[in-house]
Amino acid sequence: MGFDRKAIDNKILDVLSDGRNVPSNIADELEVSRQYIQQRLQLLEAADYVENIGRGVYELVDDPRTDTDDRS
């Protein structure tokens, strides 16, 4: 997919690799605004990397940093 990940996206993915979380907790941990985290999560969700499983809780579904093209 043509999603251009930013450094903050990798940090969000790091947080979600530890388990499900909500934007406000992620924002506090990364010391950025909840609105910015929400915006980035929506883009990550559109790229099918994370999923909102309900009540604003997000989980990692496909970590793009671990994708390899060595699948023959």
Protein backbone atom coordinates (compact mmCIF):
# COMPACT_ATOMS: atom_id res chain seq x y z
CA MET A 1 0.00 0.00 0.00
CA GLY A 2 1.17 3.56 -0.65
CA PHE A 3 1.17 4.64 3.01
CA ASP A 4 4.16 6.81 3.93
CA ARG A 5 4.98 5.94 7.54
CA LYS A 6 6.45 8.61 9.77
CA ALA A 7 8.68 8.08 12.80
CA ILE A 8 5.67 8.57 15.09
CA ASP A 9 3.88 5.70 13.32
CA ASN A 10 6.73 3.35 14.19
CA LYS A 11 6.51 4.48 17.81
CA ILE A 12 2.76 3.83 17.81
CA LEU A 13 3.37 0.38 16.33
CA ASP A 14 5.96 -0.26 19.08
CA VAL A 15 3.40 0.60 21.76
CA LEU A 16 0.74 -1.59 20.14
CA SER A 17 3.18 -4.48 19.78
CA ASP A 18 3.03 -4.70 23.59
CA GLY A 19 -0.77 -5.12 23.45
CA ARG A 20 -4.03 -3.33 22.86
CA ASN A 21 -4.22 0.31 23.83
CA VAL A 22 -6.24 3.52 23.52
CA PRO A 23 -5.16 6.82 21.92
CA SER A 24 -5.00 8.74 25.20
CA ASN A 25 -2.58 6.22 26.76
CA ILE A 26 -0.45 6.13 23.62
CA ALA A 27 -0.38 9.94 23.53
CA ASP A 28 0.72 10.12 27.16
CA GLU A 29 3.45 7.53 26.61
CA LEU A 30 4.77 9.25 23.47
CA GLU A 31 4.23 12.78 24.82
CA VAL A 32 2.14 14.05 21.90
CA SER A 33 -1.48 15.13 21.63
CA ARG A 34 -4.27 12.57 21.68
CA GLN A 35 -5.71 14.18 18.54
CA TYR A 36 -2.47 13.61 16.64
CA ILE A 37 -2.30 9.98 17.78
CA GLN A 38 -5.94 9.49 16.76
CA GLN A 39 -5.19 10.92 13.33
CA ARG A 40 -2.17 8.64 12.85
CA LEU A 41 -4.13 5.61 14.11
CA GLN A 42 -6.84 6.28 11.53
CA LEU A 43 -4.20 6.29 8.79
CA LEU A 44 -2.62 3.11 10.17
CA GLU A 45 -6.06 1.52 10.27
CA ALA A 46 -6.75 2.53 6.66
CA ALA A 47 -3.45 0.86 5.73
CA ASP A 48 -4.62 -2.33 7.55
CA TYR A 49 -1.81 -2.22 10.11
CA VAL A 50 -4.02 -1.68 13.16
CA GLU A 51 -7.66 -2.28 13.98
CA ASN A 52 -10.11 -0.43 16.19
CA ILE A 53 -11.69 -3.38 17.98
CA GLY A 54 -14.32 -1.23 19.68
CA ARG A 55 -14.64 1.56 22.24
CA GLY A 56 -11.53 3.23 20.81
CA VAL A 57 -9.26 0.30 21.64
CA TYR A 58 -6.66 -0.42 18.98
CA GLU A 59 -4.59 -3.50 18.35
CA LEU A 60 -1.79 -4.33 15.95
CA VAL A 61 -2.91 -6.67 13.16
CA ASP A 62 -0.07 -6.48 10.62
CA ASP A 63 3.28 -4.99 11.54
CA PRO A 64 4.68 -3.59 8.27
CA ARG A 65 8.16 -3.50 9.76
CA THR A 66 8.29 -7.30 9.77
CA ASP A 67 7.06 -7.82 6.20
CA THR A 68 9.51 -9.61 3.93
CA ASP A 69 9.45 -10.21 0.25
CA ASP A 70 11.30 -13.51 0.61
CA ARG A 71 8.12 -15.55 0.28
CA SER A 72 8.77 -17.77 -2.72
